Amino acid sequence: MPLKHFLIQEFDRESSNTRKALERVPAEKWDWKPHQKSGTLGWLAGHLATLPGFATAIIRRPSLEITGANFPRVERHDMLMDTFDRSAEDTRKALSELEDAHLEQAWTLTNNGQAIFTMPRYHALRSMCFNHVVHHRAQLTVYLRLLNIPVPALYGPSADETVF
């Protein structure tokens, strides 16, 4: 079975969980942050909503230069879910077009022309996209907990939702 089938299954599962967490973000707390060194709730939610687009870039481009790149931003709460849905849809389409040989090709992330890393696309997708989403979604659930907003059940029951 082609690797894209496994990647799509994982992407769909994780996107569903990300959607559950993003749906809980309250508009009135958009600018809230738990610590002066932390990003705001709105920044974190917006980052999660646009992260699938990074996977699309890895699939469709040979590299990405960070300096001068025009990364999408979610400026307002009312943009959050539409942005996530479009980003996830585009990524799922890009994943469906993948061939195994394409996943073996090297992909490079650069900053001011200097390589930050080069690795096979498969590893870039898994570590820099899929795992990156899980990391920031976990941060988001901590923000939700600190705001006393029920945390969704993601990989099993949460303290707020019993799914069994």
Protein backbone atom coordinates (compact mmCIF):
# COMPACT_ATOMS: atom_id res chain seq x y z
CA MET A 1 0.00 0.00 0.00
CA PRO A 2 1.38 3.47 -0.88
CA LEU A 3 2.62 5.54 2.05
CA LYS A 4 0.17 8.33 1.23
CA HIS A 5 -2.69 6.17 2.50
CA PHE A 6 -1.09 5.97 5.95
CA LEU A 7 -0.27 9.68 5.94
CA ILE A 8 -3.85 10.59 4.97
CA GLN A 9 -5.28 8.38 7.72
CA GLU A 10 -3.03 10.01 10.30
CA PHE A 11 -3.70 13.49 8.93
CA ASP A 12 -7.48 12.95 9.05
CA ARG A 13 -7.35 11.63 12.63
CA GLU A 14 -5.13 14.48 13.86
CA SER A 15 -7.12 17.11 11.94
CA SER A 16 -10.30 15.94 13.63
CA ASN A 17 -8.65 16.32 17.03
CA THR A 18 -7.24 19.73 16.12
CA ARG A 19 -10.68 20.86 14.99
CA LYS A 20 -12.15 19.81 18.36
CA ALA A 21 -9.60 21.93 20.21
CA LEU A 22 -9.89 24.95 17.90
CA GLU A 23 -13.69 24.95 18.22
CA ARG A 24 -13.27 25.63 21.96
CA VAL A 25 -11.24 28.84 21.52
CA PRO A 26 -13.36 31.71 22.88
CA ALA A 27 -13.40 34.95 20.88
CA GLU A 28 -13.37 37.06 24.03
CA LYS A 29 -10.03 35.55 25.13
CA TRP A 30 -8.26 36.02 21.75
CA ASP A 31 -5.57 38.28 23.24
CA TRP A 32 -5.12 36.31 26.49
CA LYS A 33 -1.80 34.65 27.26
CA PRO A 34 -0.73 32.60 30.28
CA HIS A 35 2.68 34.21 30.67
CA GLN A 36 4.51 37.26 29.36
CA LYS A 37 6.81 35.02 27.27
CA SER A 38 3.89 33.05 25.81
CA GLY A 39 2.03 33.78 22.62
CA THR A 40 -1.57 34.88 22.83
CA LEU A 41 -4.39 32.37 22.55
CA GLY A 42 -5.28 33.92 19.20
CA TRP A 43 -1.74 33.58 17.88
CA LEU A 44 -1.53 29.93 19.00
CA ALA A 45 -4.94 29.03 17.55
CA GLY A 46 -4.11 30.84 14.32
CA HIS A 47 -0.78 29.04 14.06
CA LEU A 48 -2.56 25.70 14.47
CA ALA A 49 -5.14 26.68 11.86
CA THR A 50 -2.45 27.45 9.27
CA LEU A 51 0.06 24.68 10.05
CA PRO A 52 -1.43 22.24 7.54
CA GLY A 53 -0.28 24.68 4.87
CA PHE A 54 3.31 23.95 5.85
CA ALA A 55 2.70 20.32 4.83
CA THR A 56 1.38 21.51 1.48
CA ALA A 57 4.57 23.53 0.96
CA ILE A 58 6.71 20.50 1.77
CA ILE A 59 4.77 18.39 -0.71
CA ARG A 60 4.64 20.89 -3.57
CA ARG A 61 7.93 22.79 -3.28
CA PRO A 62 11.56 21.61 -3.24
CA SER A 63 12.40 23.98 -0.38
CA LEU A 64 11.14 26.93 1.61
CA GLU A 65 12.98 30.14 2.44
CA ILE A 66 11.66 31.61 5.69
CA THR A 67 13.11 35.09 5.17
CA GLY A 68 10.58 37.16 3.28
CA ALA A 69 8.01 34.36 3.16
CA ASN A 70 4.40 35.44 3.34
CA PHE A 71 2.92 33.11 5.94
CA PRO A 72 -0.87 33.17 6.35
CA ARG A 73 -2.16 34.74 9.54
CA VAL A 74 -5.43 34.49 11.37
CA GLU A 75 -6.08 37.98 12.67
CA ARG A 76 -9.55 37.46 14.13
CA HIS A 77 -11.52 34.70 15.80
CA ASP A 78 -14.14 34.70 13.05
CA MET A 79 -11.45 33.63 10.56
CA LEU A 80 -10.21 30.68 12.61
CA MET A 81 -12.32 27.70 11.56
CA ASP A 82 -12.61 28.67 7.88
CA THR A 83 -8.84 29.10 7.72
CA PHE A 84 -8.26 25.71 9.35
CA ASP A 85 -10.81 23.96 7.11
CA ARG A 86 -9.31 25.42 3.90
CA SER A 87 -5.77 24.66 5.02
CA ALA A 88 -6.65 21.08 5.97
CA GLU A 89 -8.56 20.53 2.72
CA ASP A 90 -5.63 21.78 0.61
CA THR A 91 -3.21 19.57 2.52
CA ARG A 92 -5.40 16.49 2.23
CA LYS A 93 -5.59 17.05 -1.54
CA ALA A 94 -1.80 17.44 -1.75
CA LEU A 95 -1.34 14.25 0.29
CA SER A 96 -3.69 12.35 -2.02
CA GLU A 97 -1.52 13.27 -5.02
CA LEU A 98 1.71 11.98 -3.45
CA GLU A 99 3.82 9.16 -4.82
CA ASP A 100 6.24 7.21 -2.63
CA ALA A 101 9.22 8.32 -4.72
CA HIS A 102 8.33 11.97 -4.03
CA LEU A 103 8.39 11.27 -0.28
CA GLU A 104 11.97 10.02 -0.56
CA GLN A 105 13.23 13.26 -2.15
CA ALA A 106 15.14 15.74 -0.01
CA TRP A 107 13.36 18.85 1.21
CA THR A 108 15.14 21.89 2.67
CA LEU A 109 14.09 24.70 4.98
CA THR A 110 16.33 27.78 4.79
CA ASN A 111 16.69 31.09 6.58
CA ASN A 112 18.63 33.84 4.78
CA GLY A 113 19.92 31.21 2.38
CA GLN A 114 21.33 29.02 5.16
CA ALA A 115 19.91 25.52 5.46
CA ILE A 116 18.15 24.92 8.76
CA PHE A 117 17.62 21.30 7.80
CA THR A 118 17.42 18.99 4.82
CA MET A 119 15.61 15.68 5.10
CA PRO A 120 13.41 13.39 3.03
CA ARG A 121 9.91 14.83 2.52
CA TYR A 122 8.39 11.94 4.46
CA HIS A 123 10.38 12.85 7.57
CA ALA A 124 9.75 16.57 7.08
CA LEU A 125 6.01 15.90 6.91
CA ARG A 126 5.96 13.67 9.97
CA SER A 127 8.30 15.66 12.22
CA MET A 128 7.88 19.26 11.10
CA CYS A 129 4.15 19.13 10.29
CA PHE A 130 2.25 16.30 11.92
CA ASN A 131 4.24 16.27 15.17
CA HIS A 132 4.37 20.07 15.15
CA VAL A 133 0.57 20.18 15.13
CA VAL A 134 0.36 17.75 18.05
CA HIS A 135 2.86 19.87 20.02
CA HIS A 136 0.93 23.12 19.54
CA ARG A 137 -2.44 21.44 20.07
CA ALA A 138 -1.15 20.23 23.43
CA GLN A 139 -0.18 23.81 24.27
CA LEU A 140 -3.67 24.91 23.26
CA THR A 141 -5.30 22.38 25.59
CA VAL A 142 -3.21 23.78 28.46
CA TYR A 143 -4.43 27.28 27.58
CA LEU A 144 -8.00 25.95 27.58
CA ARG A 145 -7.49 24.31 30.98
CA LEU A 146 -6.05 27.53 32.45
CA LEU A 147 -9.10 29.40 31.15
CA ASN A 148 -11.39 26.77 32.69
CA ILE A 149 -12.71 25.79 29.26
CA PRO A 150 -13.51 22.07 28.95
CA VAL A 151 -10.69 20.19 27.24
CA PRO A 152 -11.94 17.88 24.49
CA ALA A 153 -11.30 14.16 24.53
CA LEU A 154 -8.56 13.60 21.95
CA TYR A 155 -6.88 10.21 22.42
CA GLY A 156 -9.29 9.00 25.05
CA PRO A 157 -11.37 10.63 27.77
CA SER A 158 -10.35 13.99 29.15
CA ALA A 159 -11.12 15.18 32.67
CA ASP A 160 -14.00 17.10 31.06
CA GLU A 161 -15.37 14.52 28.61
CA THR A 162 -15.93 10.86 29.20
CA VAL A 163 -16.37 9.18 25.84
CA PHE A 164 -16.75 5.62 27.10
